[in-house]
Amino acid sequence: MEREQIATNLQEEKILVREGKKNRTGIIWTSETRSIYPPDEELAILINAELGDAVRYLPQSTQRVFLDLQILMNPIQDKRGERPYFAYLLAFMDEQSELILHFDSLTVKKGWHTFMTELPEYILRGLKAIGARPKQVLIRDKIVFDMMTIMQKKLDMGVENVAEMPAMDAFVEGFYKMNRQK
C-alpha cells in the first residue's frame, strides 16, 4: 500500500517528507508532501570538452537507444540516524534487443541544482561507455529530453520523446526487487 501511495505521489511529481524535531520528551515527527522538483530556474549546462569530443567522434551506429532516468524506491541511509534518501537510475537500453547497454546509480546528496548540472556529464559518460553514437535516443523524462535536445546537434544524433518504455520499466522493477532483497 505504501509503495502505491509513493508511486501516486511521484506521478503527481510530489514526495512525502518526514521530519523529526527533538523536544524535552523525545522526537516529534511531522509529515509533508513536497514537490520533487524545485521551482523552475535556469541551469547552466557545462560539459567537459574532452568528454564531449570523445562522444562526438564515436562511430555512428544504426541503433535506437532508450535513455531513462528513474527514481529508485529503495531508501538509502549512509549512517544510522541520518535522513535516508533515494537514488536515481540512469539507464541506456537498445530498443530492438531490449538489452541494457549501460546504467548508473546517481544520488542527489549535494542538492538538486548540483545534480542537474552534473547530469549531462553522466549521460555523456554513458554514451561513451556504449562505444558508438546511437542513430536516435528515445527519452520519456522531460528534463533528460530537454538536456539531450540541447546537446543533440553537437553530438550529431536524433532525439525523440516517447511516452512508454515497457522493457525499461521491467528492468527498473527488477533492479528495485534485486536491491530490496539486500
N, C-alpha and C. Protein backbone atom coordinates (compact mmCIF):
# COMPACT_ATOMS: atom_id res chain seq x y z
N MET A 1 0.82 -1.19 0.00
CA MET A 1 0.00 0.00 0.00
C MET A 1 0.87 1.26 0.00
N GLU A 2 1.90 1.26 0.86
CA GLU A 2 2.79 2.42 0.96
C GLU A 2 3.50 2.69 -0.37
N ARG A 3 3.90 1.62 -1.05
CA ARG A 3 4.60 1.77 -2.33
C ARG A 3 3.67 2.38 -3.38
N GLU A 4 2.39 1.98 -3.39
CA GLU A 4 1.43 2.55 -4.34
C GLU A 4 1.21 4.03 -4.06
N GLN A 5 1.15 4.40 -2.76
CA GLN A 5 0.98 5.81 -2.40
C GLN A 5 2.18 6.63 -2.87
N ILE A 6 3.37 6.09 -2.70
CA ILE A 6 4.58 6.79 -3.16
C ILE A 6 4.54 6.93 -4.68
N ALA A 7 4.15 5.86 -5.37
CA ALA A 7 4.08 5.90 -6.84
C ALA A 7 3.06 6.95 -7.30
N THR A 8 1.91 7.03 -6.63
CA THR A 8 0.91 8.03 -6.98
C THR A 8 1.46 9.44 -6.78
N ASN A 9 2.13 9.65 -5.65
CA ASN A 9 2.75 10.96 -5.40
C ASN A 9 3.77 11.29 -6.47
N LEU A 10 4.56 10.31 -6.89
CA LEU A 10 5.57 10.55 -7.91
C LEU A 10 4.94 10.93 -9.23
N GLN A 11 3.81 10.31 -9.58
CA GLN A 11 3.11 10.69 -10.81
C GLN A 11 2.66 12.14 -10.75
N GLU A 12 2.36 12.60 -9.54
CA GLU A 12 1.97 14.00 -9.35
C GLU A 12 3.20 14.88 -9.09
N GLU A 13 4.39 14.28 -9.23
CA GLU A 13 5.68 14.95 -9.00
C GLU A 13 5.79 15.50 -7.59
N LYS A 14 5.33 14.68 -6.62
CA LYS A 14 5.41 15.03 -5.21
C LYS A 14 6.00 13.86 -4.45
N ILE A 15 6.54 14.14 -3.27
CA ILE A 15 7.10 13.08 -2.44
C ILE A 15 6.81 13.40 -0.98
N LEU A 16 6.58 12.37 -0.18
CA LEU A 16 6.32 12.53 1.24
C LEU A 16 7.65 12.71 1.96
N VAL A 17 7.72 13.76 2.78
CA VAL A 17 8.92 14.03 3.56
C VAL A 17 8.53 14.01 5.03
N ARG A 18 9.28 13.24 5.83
CA ARG A 18 9.05 13.20 7.29
C ARG A 18 10.23 13.85 7.96
N GLU A 19 9.93 14.70 8.93
CA GLU A 19 10.99 15.42 9.62
C GLU A 19 10.79 15.28 11.12
N GLY A 20 11.85 14.94 11.82
CA GLY A 20 11.79 14.79 13.27
C GLY A 20 12.47 15.96 13.96
N LYS A 21 11.81 16.49 14.98
CA LYS A 21 12.38 17.57 15.78
C LYS A 21 12.39 17.14 17.23
N LYS A 22 13.56 17.31 17.87
CA LYS A 22 13.70 16.92 19.27
C LYS A 22 13.04 17.96 20.17
N ASN A 23 12.39 17.44 21.22
CA ASN A 23 11.92 18.30 22.29
C ASN A 23 12.28 17.63 23.60
N ARG A 24 11.79 18.13 24.71
CA ARG A 24 12.17 17.58 26.03
C ARG A 24 11.75 16.14 26.21
N THR A 25 10.66 15.72 25.59
CA THR A 25 10.13 14.37 25.81
C THR A 25 10.53 13.36 24.74
N GLY A 26 11.19 13.81 23.70
CA GLY A 26 11.57 12.88 22.64
C GLY A 26 11.60 13.58 21.29
N ILE A 27 11.10 12.88 20.29
CA ILE A 27 11.08 13.42 18.92
C ILE A 27 9.64 13.55 18.47
N ILE A 28 9.32 14.69 17.90
CA ILE A 28 8.00 14.90 17.30
C ILE A 28 8.18 14.85 15.79
N TRP A 29 7.42 13.96 15.15
CA TRP A 29 7.53 13.77 13.70
C TRP A 29 6.41 14.53 13.00
N THR A 30 6.77 15.17 11.90
CA THR A 30 5.77 15.82 11.04
C THR A 30 5.94 15.28 9.63
N SER A 31 4.84 15.21 8.90
CA SER A 31 4.86 14.75 7.52
C SER A 31 4.37 15.86 6.62
N GLU A 32 4.98 15.94 5.45
CA GLU A 32 4.60 16.98 4.49
C GLU A 32 4.84 16.45 3.08
N THR A 33 3.93 16.76 2.17
CA THR A 33 4.11 16.40 0.77
C THR A 33 4.72 17.60 0.08
N ARG A 34 5.86 17.38 -0.57
CA ARG A 34 6.56 18.46 -1.26
C ARG A 34 6.74 18.12 -2.73
N SER A 35 6.93 19.14 -3.53
CA SER A 35 7.22 18.95 -4.94
C SER A 35 8.61 18.33 -5.07
N ILE A 36 8.74 17.37 -5.97
CA ILE A 36 10.04 16.74 -6.21
C ILE A 36 11.01 17.75 -6.78
N TYR A 37 10.51 18.54 -7.72
CA TYR A 37 11.37 19.47 -8.42
C TYR A 37 11.25 20.86 -7.83
N PRO A 38 12.36 21.54 -7.69
CA PRO A 38 12.29 22.92 -7.20
C PRO A 38 11.64 23.81 -8.26
N PRO A 39 11.27 25.03 -7.88
CA PRO A 39 10.69 25.93 -8.89
C PRO A 39 11.65 26.07 -10.08
N ASP A 40 11.07 26.35 -11.25
CA ASP A 40 11.88 26.48 -12.46
C ASP A 40 12.99 27.50 -12.25
N GLU A 41 14.16 27.12 -12.66
CA GLU A 41 15.29 28.02 -12.64
C GLU A 41 16.19 27.65 -13.81
N GLU A 42 16.92 28.62 -14.28
CA GLU A 42 17.81 28.35 -15.40
C GLU A 42 19.05 27.63 -14.89
N LEU A 43 19.47 26.65 -15.65
CA LEU A 43 20.67 25.90 -15.31
C LEU A 43 21.70 26.09 -16.41
N ALA A 44 22.91 26.24 -16.00
CA ALA A 44 24.00 26.27 -16.98
C ALA A 44 24.47 24.84 -17.16
N ILE A 45 24.42 24.36 -18.39
CA ILE A 45 24.88 23.00 -18.68
C ILE A 45 26.33 23.10 -19.12
N LEU A 46 27.19 22.64 -18.24
CA LEU A 46 28.62 22.66 -18.54
C LEU A 46 29.05 21.24 -18.88
N ILE A 47 29.69 21.11 -20.01
CA ILE A 47 30.12 19.79 -20.47
C ILE A 47 31.63 19.81 -20.64
N ASN A 48 32.26 18.81 -20.08
CA ASN A 48 33.69 18.64 -20.25
C ASN A 48 33.97 18.50 -21.75
N ALA A 49 34.76 19.42 -22.29
CA ALA A 49 35.02 19.46 -23.74
C ALA A 49 35.65 18.16 -24.24
N GLU A 50 36.56 17.61 -23.46
CA GLU A 50 37.24 16.37 -23.87
C GLU A 50 36.24 15.21 -23.95
N LEU A 51 35.34 15.13 -22.96
CA LEU A 51 34.33 14.08 -22.96
C LEU A 51 33.34 14.30 -24.11
N GLY A 52 32.92 15.54 -24.32
CA GLY A 52 32.02 15.86 -25.43
C GLY A 52 32.61 15.47 -26.77
N ASP A 53 33.89 15.79 -26.97
CA ASP A 53 34.57 15.42 -28.22
C ASP A 53 34.68 13.91 -28.36
N ALA A 54 34.98 13.22 -27.26
CA ALA A 54 35.11 11.77 -27.30
C ALA A 54 33.80 11.13 -27.77
N VAL A 55 32.67 11.65 -27.29
CA VAL A 55 31.37 11.10 -27.71
C VAL A 55 31.06 11.51 -29.15
N ARG A 56 31.33 12.75 -29.50
CA ARG A 56 31.04 13.24 -30.85
C ARG A 56 31.80 12.45 -31.91
N TYR A 57 33.00 11.99 -31.60
CA TYR A 57 33.82 11.27 -32.58
C TYR A 57 33.69 9.75 -32.49
N LEU A 58 32.76 9.26 -31.68
CA LEU A 58 32.48 7.82 -31.68
C LEU A 58 31.86 7.45 -33.02
N PRO A 59 32.03 6.21 -33.46
CA PRO A 59 31.38 5.80 -34.71
C PRO A 59 29.86 5.87 -34.57
N GLN A 60 29.19 6.23 -35.65
CA GLN A 60 27.72 6.31 -35.66
C GLN A 60 27.16 4.91 -35.83
N SER A 61 26.21 4.53 -35.00
CA SER A 61 25.56 3.22 -35.13
C SER A 61 24.16 3.41 -35.72
N THR A 62 23.51 2.31 -36.02
CA THR A 62 22.14 2.37 -36.52
C THR A 62 21.14 2.13 -35.39
N GLN A 63 21.64 1.99 -34.17
CA GLN A 63 20.80 1.71 -33.01
C GLN A 63 19.89 2.88 -32.65
N ARG A 64 18.72 2.51 -32.16
CA ARG A 64 17.86 3.45 -31.45
C ARG A 64 17.93 3.01 -29.99
N VAL A 65 18.23 3.94 -29.12
CA VAL A 65 18.51 3.62 -27.72
C VAL A 65 17.55 4.36 -26.80
N PHE A 66 16.96 3.62 -25.87
CA PHE A 66 16.16 4.24 -24.82
C PHE A 66 17.11 4.83 -23.78
N LEU A 67 16.82 6.01 -23.32
CA LEU A 67 17.57 6.65 -22.23
C LEU A 67 16.54 7.07 -21.20
N ASP A 68 16.70 6.59 -19.97
CA ASP A 68 15.69 6.89 -18.95
C ASP A 68 16.35 7.22 -17.63
N LEU A 69 15.68 8.07 -16.89
CA LEU A 69 16.09 8.45 -15.54
C LEU A 69 14.91 8.13 -14.63
N GLN A 70 15.12 7.21 -13.68
CA GLN A 70 14.05 6.78 -12.78
C GLN A 70 14.51 6.88 -11.33
N ILE A 71 13.63 7.36 -10.48
CA ILE A 71 13.93 7.34 -9.05
C ILE A 71 13.76 5.90 -8.56
N LEU A 72 14.67 5.44 -7.74
CA LEU A 72 14.58 4.10 -7.18
C LEU A 72 13.90 4.18 -5.82
N MET A 73 12.96 3.31 -5.60
CA MET A 73 12.15 3.39 -4.39
C MET A 73 12.79 2.67 -3.20
N ASN A 74 14.10 2.47 -3.22
CA ASN A 74 14.82 1.88 -2.09
C ASN A 74 15.50 3.00 -1.32
N PRO A 75 15.00 3.36 -0.14
CA PRO A 75 15.69 4.42 0.60
C PRO A 75 17.10 3.98 0.99
N ILE A 76 18.03 4.91 0.90
CA ILE A 76 19.43 4.65 1.25
C ILE A 76 19.76 5.49 2.47
N GLN A 77 20.43 4.88 3.42
CA GLN A 77 20.84 5.61 4.61
C GLN A 77 22.32 5.30 4.84
N ASP A 78 23.17 6.32 4.73
CA ASP A 78 24.61 6.11 4.87
C ASP A 78 24.99 5.74 6.30
N LYS A 79 24.42 6.44 7.27
CA LYS A 79 24.71 6.18 8.68
C LYS A 79 23.42 6.14 9.46
N ARG A 80 23.40 5.31 10.47
CA ARG A 80 22.22 5.21 11.35
C ARG A 80 21.91 6.60 11.93
N GLY A 81 20.65 6.94 11.89
CA GLY A 81 20.23 8.23 12.44
C GLY A 81 20.20 9.35 11.41
N GLU A 82 20.85 9.14 10.25
CA GLU A 82 20.82 10.16 9.20
C GLU A 82 19.55 10.00 8.39
N ARG A 83 19.14 11.10 7.76
CA ARG A 83 17.95 11.06 6.91
C ARG A 83 18.24 10.21 5.67
N PRO A 84 17.36 9.25 5.38
CA PRO A 84 17.56 8.46 4.16
C PRO A 84 17.25 9.29 2.92
N TYR A 85 17.74 8.83 1.79
CA TYR A 85 17.49 9.50 0.52
C TYR A 85 17.27 8.44 -0.54
N PHE A 86 16.81 8.87 -1.72
CA PHE A 86 16.58 7.96 -2.82
C PHE A 86 17.61 8.21 -3.90
N ALA A 87 18.00 7.15 -4.57
CA ALA A 87 18.93 7.26 -5.70
C ALA A 87 18.12 7.28 -7.00
N TYR A 88 18.78 7.71 -8.05
CA TYR A 88 18.19 7.69 -9.38
C TYR A 88 18.96 6.70 -10.23
N LEU A 89 18.26 6.03 -11.11
CA LEU A 89 18.87 5.10 -12.04
C LEU A 89 18.86 5.74 -13.42
N LEU A 90 20.04 5.92 -14.00
CA LEU A 90 20.17 6.42 -15.37
C LEU A 90 20.54 5.20 -16.21
N ALA A 91 19.68 4.86 -17.17
CA ALA A 91 19.88 3.62 -17.93
C ALA A 91 19.73 3.84 -19.43
N PHE A 92 20.57 3.10 -20.18
CA PHE A 92 20.54 3.08 -21.64
C PHE A 92 20.17 1.66 -22.06
N MET A 93 19.18 1.52 -22.94
CA MET A 93 18.72 0.21 -23.39
C MET A 93 18.56 0.23 -24.91
N ASP A 94 19.05 -0.82 -25.56
CA ASP A 94 18.85 -0.97 -27.00
C ASP A 94 17.37 -1.23 -27.26
N GLU A 95 16.78 -0.46 -28.16
CA GLU A 95 15.34 -0.59 -28.42
C GLU A 95 15.00 -1.97 -29.00
N GLN A 96 15.79 -2.46 -29.93
CA GLN A 96 15.46 -3.70 -30.62
C GLN A 96 15.68 -4.94 -29.75
N SER A 97 16.85 -5.07 -29.15
CA SER A 97 17.15 -6.27 -28.37
C SER A 97 16.68 -6.17 -26.92
N GLU A 98 16.38 -4.96 -26.46
CA GLU A 98 15.99 -4.68 -25.08
C GLU A 98 17.09 -5.03 -24.08
N LEU A 99 18.33 -5.01 -24.55
CA LEU A 99 19.47 -5.24 -23.66
C LEU A 99 19.90 -3.92 -23.04
N ILE A 100 20.27 -3.98 -21.76
CA ILE A 100 20.80 -2.80 -21.08
C ILE A 100 22.22 -2.61 -21.57
N LEU A 101 22.49 -1.43 -22.09
CA LEU A 101 23.82 -1.12 -22.62
C LEU A 101 24.72 -0.48 -21.57
N HIS A 102 24.09 0.26 -20.67
CA HIS A 102 24.85 0.93 -19.60
C HIS A 102 23.85 1.45 -18.57
N PHE A 103 24.23 1.42 -17.29
CA PHE A 103 23.40 2.08 -16.28
C PHE A 103 24.30 2.62 -15.18
N ASP A 104 23.76 3.59 -14.47
CA ASP A 104 24.50 4.25 -13.40
C ASP A 104 23.51 4.62 -12.31
N SER A 105 23.92 4.49 -11.07
CA SER A 105 23.09 4.90 -9.94
C SER A 105 23.61 6.27 -9.47
N LEU A 106 22.72 7.25 -9.43
CA LEU A 106 23.10 8.62 -9.09
C LEU A 106 22.37 9.08 -7.83
N THR A 107 23.00 9.96 -7.08
CA THR A 107 22.34 10.50 -5.89
C THR A 107 22.22 12.01 -5.99
N VAL A 108 21.33 12.53 -5.17
CA VAL A 108 21.09 13.97 -5.13
C VAL A 108 21.59 14.52 -3.79
N LYS A 109 22.59 13.87 -3.21
CA LYS A 109 23.07 14.25 -1.89
C LYS A 109 23.62 15.67 -1.83
N LYS A 110 24.13 16.19 -2.94
CA LYS A 110 24.71 17.54 -2.96
C LYS A 110 23.66 18.59 -3.31
N GLY A 111 22.41 18.17 -3.48
CA GLY A 111 21.34 19.10 -3.82
C GLY A 111 20.90 18.94 -5.26
N TRP A 112 19.66 19.36 -5.51
CA TRP A 112 19.04 19.20 -6.82
C TRP A 112 19.78 19.98 -7.90
N HIS A 113 20.16 21.20 -7.59
CA HIS A 113 20.84 22.05 -8.58
C HIS A 113 22.14 21.40 -9.04
N THR A 114 22.93 20.91 -8.11
CA THR A 114 24.19 20.23 -8.45
C THR A 114 23.92 18.97 -9.26
N PHE A 115 22.92 18.21 -8.85
CA PHE A 115 22.55 17.00 -9.59
C PHE A 115 22.23 17.32 -11.04
N MET A 116 21.42 18.36 -11.25
CA MET A 116 21.01 18.72 -12.60
C MET A 116 22.19 19.23 -13.44
N THR A 117 23.12 19.94 -12.84
CA THR A 117 24.27 20.42 -13.62
C THR A 117 25.25 19.29 -13.93
N GLU A 118 25.27 18.24 -13.11
CA GLU A 118 26.16 17.10 -13.36
C GLU A 118 25.54 16.04 -14.28
N LEU A 119 24.21 16.04 -14.40
CA LEU A 119 23.52 15.01 -15.18
C LEU A 119 23.99 14.91 -16.64
N PRO A 120 24.21 16.02 -17.36
CA PRO A 120 24.68 15.88 -18.75
C PRO A 120 26.00 15.11 -18.85
N GLU A 121 26.88 15.30 -17.89
CA GLU A 121 28.16 14.58 -17.93
C GLU A 121 27.94 13.08 -17.71
N TYR A 122 27.02 12.72 -16.82
CA TYR A 122 26.71 11.30 -16.62
C TYR A 122 26.11 10.70 -17.90
N ILE A 123 25.29 11.47 -18.59
CA ILE A 123 24.71 10.99 -19.85
C ILE A 123 25.82 10.77 -20.88
N LEU A 124 26.74 11.72 -20.98
CA LEU A 124 27.85 11.58 -21.92
C LEU A 124 28.74 10.39 -21.57
N ARG A 125 29.00 10.19 -20.30
CA ARG A 125 29.79 9.02 -19.88
C ARG A 125 29.10 7.73 -20.30
N GLY A 126 27.77 7.70 -20.17
CA GLY A 126 27.01 6.52 -20.59
C GLY A 126 27.12 6.30 -22.08
N LEU A 127 26.99 7.36 -22.85
CA LEU A 127 27.11 7.24 -24.31
C LEU A 127 28.52 6.77 -24.69
N LYS A 128 29.51 7.29 -24.00
CA LYS A 128 30.90 6.87 -24.28
C LYS A 128 31.08 5.38 -23.94
N ALA A 129 30.47 4.94 -22.84
CA ALA A 129 30.58 3.53 -22.43
C ALA A 129 29.93 2.60 -23.44
N ILE A 130 28.88 3.07 -24.12
CA ILE A 130 28.22 2.26 -25.15
C ILE A 130 29.19 2.02 -26.31
N GLY A 131 30.03 3.00 -26.60
CA GLY A 131 31.07 2.82 -27.62
C GLY A 131 30.69 3.26 -29.02
N ALA A 132 29.47 3.75 -29.20
CA ALA A 132 29.02 4.25 -30.51
C ALA A 132 27.90 5.26 -30.27
N ARG A 133 27.78 6.21 -31.17
CA ARG A 133 26.69 7.19 -31.08
C ARG A 133 25.44 6.56 -31.67
N PRO A 134 24.38 6.45 -30.88
CA PRO A 134 23.14 5.91 -31.43
C PRO A 134 22.59 6.81 -32.52
N LYS A 135 21.88 6.21 -33.45
CA LYS A 135 21.22 6.98 -34.50
C LYS A 135 20.16 7.89 -33.87
N GLN A 136 19.47 7.34 -32.86
CA GLN A 136 18.43 8.11 -32.20
C GLN A 136 18.34 7.69 -30.73
N VAL A 137 18.08 8.67 -29.88
CA VAL A 137 17.92 8.43 -28.45
C VAL A 137 16.45 8.70 -28.12
N LEU A 138 15.79 7.70 -27.54
CA LEU A 138 14.37 7.78 -27.19
C LEU A 138 14.25 8.06 -25.69
N ILE A 139 13.57 9.14 -25.34
CA ILE A 139 13.55 9.62 -23.95
C ILE A 139 12.12 9.95 -23.54
N ARG A 140 11.75 9.59 -22.31
CA ARG A 140 10.42 9.99 -21.82
C ARG A 140 10.49 11.03 -20.72
N ASP A 141 11.59 11.12 -20.00
CA ASP A 141 11.73 12.10 -18.92
C ASP A 141 11.93 13.49 -19.52
N LYS A 142 11.10 14.43 -19.12
CA LYS A 142 11.13 15.78 -19.71
C LYS A 142 12.47 16.47 -19.48
N ILE A 143 13.01 16.35 -18.31
CA ILE A 143 14.29 17.01 -18.01
C ILE A 143 15.40 16.45 -18.88
N VAL A 144 15.48 15.13 -18.97
CA VAL A 144 16.52 14.49 -19.78
C VAL A 144 16.30 14.83 -21.25
N PHE A 145 15.04 14.83 -21.69
CA PHE A 145 14.73 15.17 -23.08
C PHE A 145 15.20 16.60 -23.40
N ASP A 146 14.89 17.53 -22.51
CA ASP A 146 15.33 18.92 -22.73
C ASP A 146 16.85 19.03 -22.81
N MET A 147 17.55 18.31 -21.94
CA MET A 147 19.02 18.34 -21.96
C MET A 147 19.56 17.77 -23.26
N MET A 148 19.01 16.63 -23.67
CA MET A 148 19.50 15.98 -24.89
C MET A 148 19.14 16.79 -26.14
N THR A 149 18.02 17.50 -26.11
CA THR A 149 17.64 18.35 -27.22
C THR A 149 18.71 19.43 -27.43
N ILE A 150 19.21 19.95 -26.33
CA ILE A 150 20.27 20.97 -26.39
C ILE A 150 21.56 20.36 -26.95
N MET A 151 21.88 19.11 -26.56
CA MET A 151 23.16 18.50 -26.94
C MET A 151 23.12 17.75 -28.28
N GLN A 152 21.93 17.47 -28.82
CA GLN A 152 21.83 16.59 -29.99
C GLN A 152 22.58 17.08 -31.21
N LYS A 153 22.56 18.37 -31.45
CA LYS A 153 23.21 18.90 -32.65
C LYS A 153 24.73 18.72 -32.55
N LYS A 154 25.27 19.04 -31.38
CA LYS A 154 26.72 18.88 -31.19
C LYS A 154 27.15 17.43 -31.29
N LEU A 155 26.29 16.52 -30.84
CA LEU A 155 26.62 15.10 -30.84
C LEU A 155 26.20 14.39 -32.12
N ASP A 156 25.47 15.08 -32.99
CA ASP A 156 25.02 14.53 -34.27
C ASP A 156 24.23 13.24 -34.08
N MET A 157 23.17 13.34 -33.28
CA MET A 157 22.27 12.20 -33.09
C MET A 157 20.86 12.73 -32.88
N GLY A 158 19.88 11.96 -33.31
CA GLY A 158 18.50 12.35 -33.15
C GLY A 158 17.99 12.09 -31.75
N VAL A 159 16.99 12.86 -31.34
CA VAL A 159 16.35 12.71 -30.04
C VAL A 159 14.85 12.68 -30.26
N GLU A 160 14.18 11.73 -29.63
CA GLU A 160 12.73 11.62 -29.77
C GLU A 160 12.10 11.42 -28.40
N ASN A 161 11.00 12.11 -28.16
CA ASN A 161 10.25 11.95 -26.92
C ASN A 161 9.28 10.78 -27.08
N VAL A 162 9.28 9.87 -26.11
CA VAL A 162 8.36 8.73 -26.14
C VAL A 162 7.56 8.71 -24.84
N ALA A 163 6.37 8.15 -24.90
CA ALA A 163 5.50 8.12 -23.72
C ALA A 163 5.73 6.87 -22.86
N GLU A 164 6.06 5.75 -23.51
CA GLU A 164 6.16 4.50 -22.76
C GLU A 164 7.44 3.75 -23.10
N MET A 165 7.93 3.01 -22.09
CA MET A 165 9.10 2.15 -22.25
C MET A 165 8.87 0.88 -21.42
N PRO A 166 8.03 -0.04 -21.89
CA PRO A 166 7.70 -1.22 -21.09
C PRO A 166 8.92 -2.06 -20.70
N ALA A 167 9.86 -2.25 -21.61
CA ALA A 167 11.04 -3.06 -21.30
C ALA A 167 11.91 -2.36 -20.25
N MET A 168 12.02 -1.05 -20.33
CA MET A 168 12.78 -0.29 -19.34
C MET A 168 12.09 -0.37 -17.98
N ASP A 169 10.76 -0.27 -17.98
CA ASP A 169 10.01 -0.39 -16.73
C ASP A 169 10.25 -1.74 -16.07
N ALA A 170 10.30 -2.80 -16.87
CA ALA A 170 10.56 -4.15 -16.34
C ALA A 170 11.96 -4.22 -15.75
N PHE A 171 12.94 -3.60 -16.43
CA PHE A 171 14.30 -3.59 -15.90
C PHE A 171 14.37 -2.84 -14.57
N VAL A 172 13.74 -1.68 -14.50
CA VAL A 172 13.76 -0.88 -13.27
C VAL A 172 13.09 -1.64 -12.13
N GLU A 173 11.97 -2.30 -12.42
CA GLU A 173 11.27 -3.09 -11.40
C GLU A 173 12.17 -4.24 -10.91
N GLY A 174 12.85 -4.92 -11.83
CA GLY A 174 13.77 -5.99 -11.44
C GLY A 174 14.94 -5.46 -10.64
N PHE A 175 15.46 -4.33 -11.02
CA PHE A 175 16.56 -3.68 -10.29
C PHE A 175 16.11 -3.34 -8.88
N TYR A 176 14.89 -2.81 -8.77
CA TYR A 176 14.32 -2.46 -7.47
C TYR A 176 14.22 -3.71 -6.59
N LYS A 177 13.64 -4.78 -7.13
CA LYS A 177 13.45 -6.00 -6.36
C LYS A 177 14.79 -6.61 -5.94
N MET A 178 15.75 -6.60 -6.84
CA MET A 178 17.07 -7.17 -6.55
C MET A 178 17.73 -6.42 -5.39
N ASN A 179 17.67 -5.10 -5.43
CA ASN A 179 18.31 -4.30 -4.40
C ASN A 179 17.52 -4.27 -3.10
N ARG A 180 16.24 -4.52 -3.16
CA ARG A 180 15.41 -4.56 -1.96
C ARG A 180 15.75 -5.78 -1.11
N GLN A 181 16.19 -6.85 -1.76
CA GLN A 181 16.50 -8.10 -1.04
C GLN A 181 17.82 -8.03 -0.30
N LYS A 182 18.63 -7.03 -0.57
CA LYS A 182 19.95 -6.92 0.08
C LYS A 182 19.82 -6.45 1.50
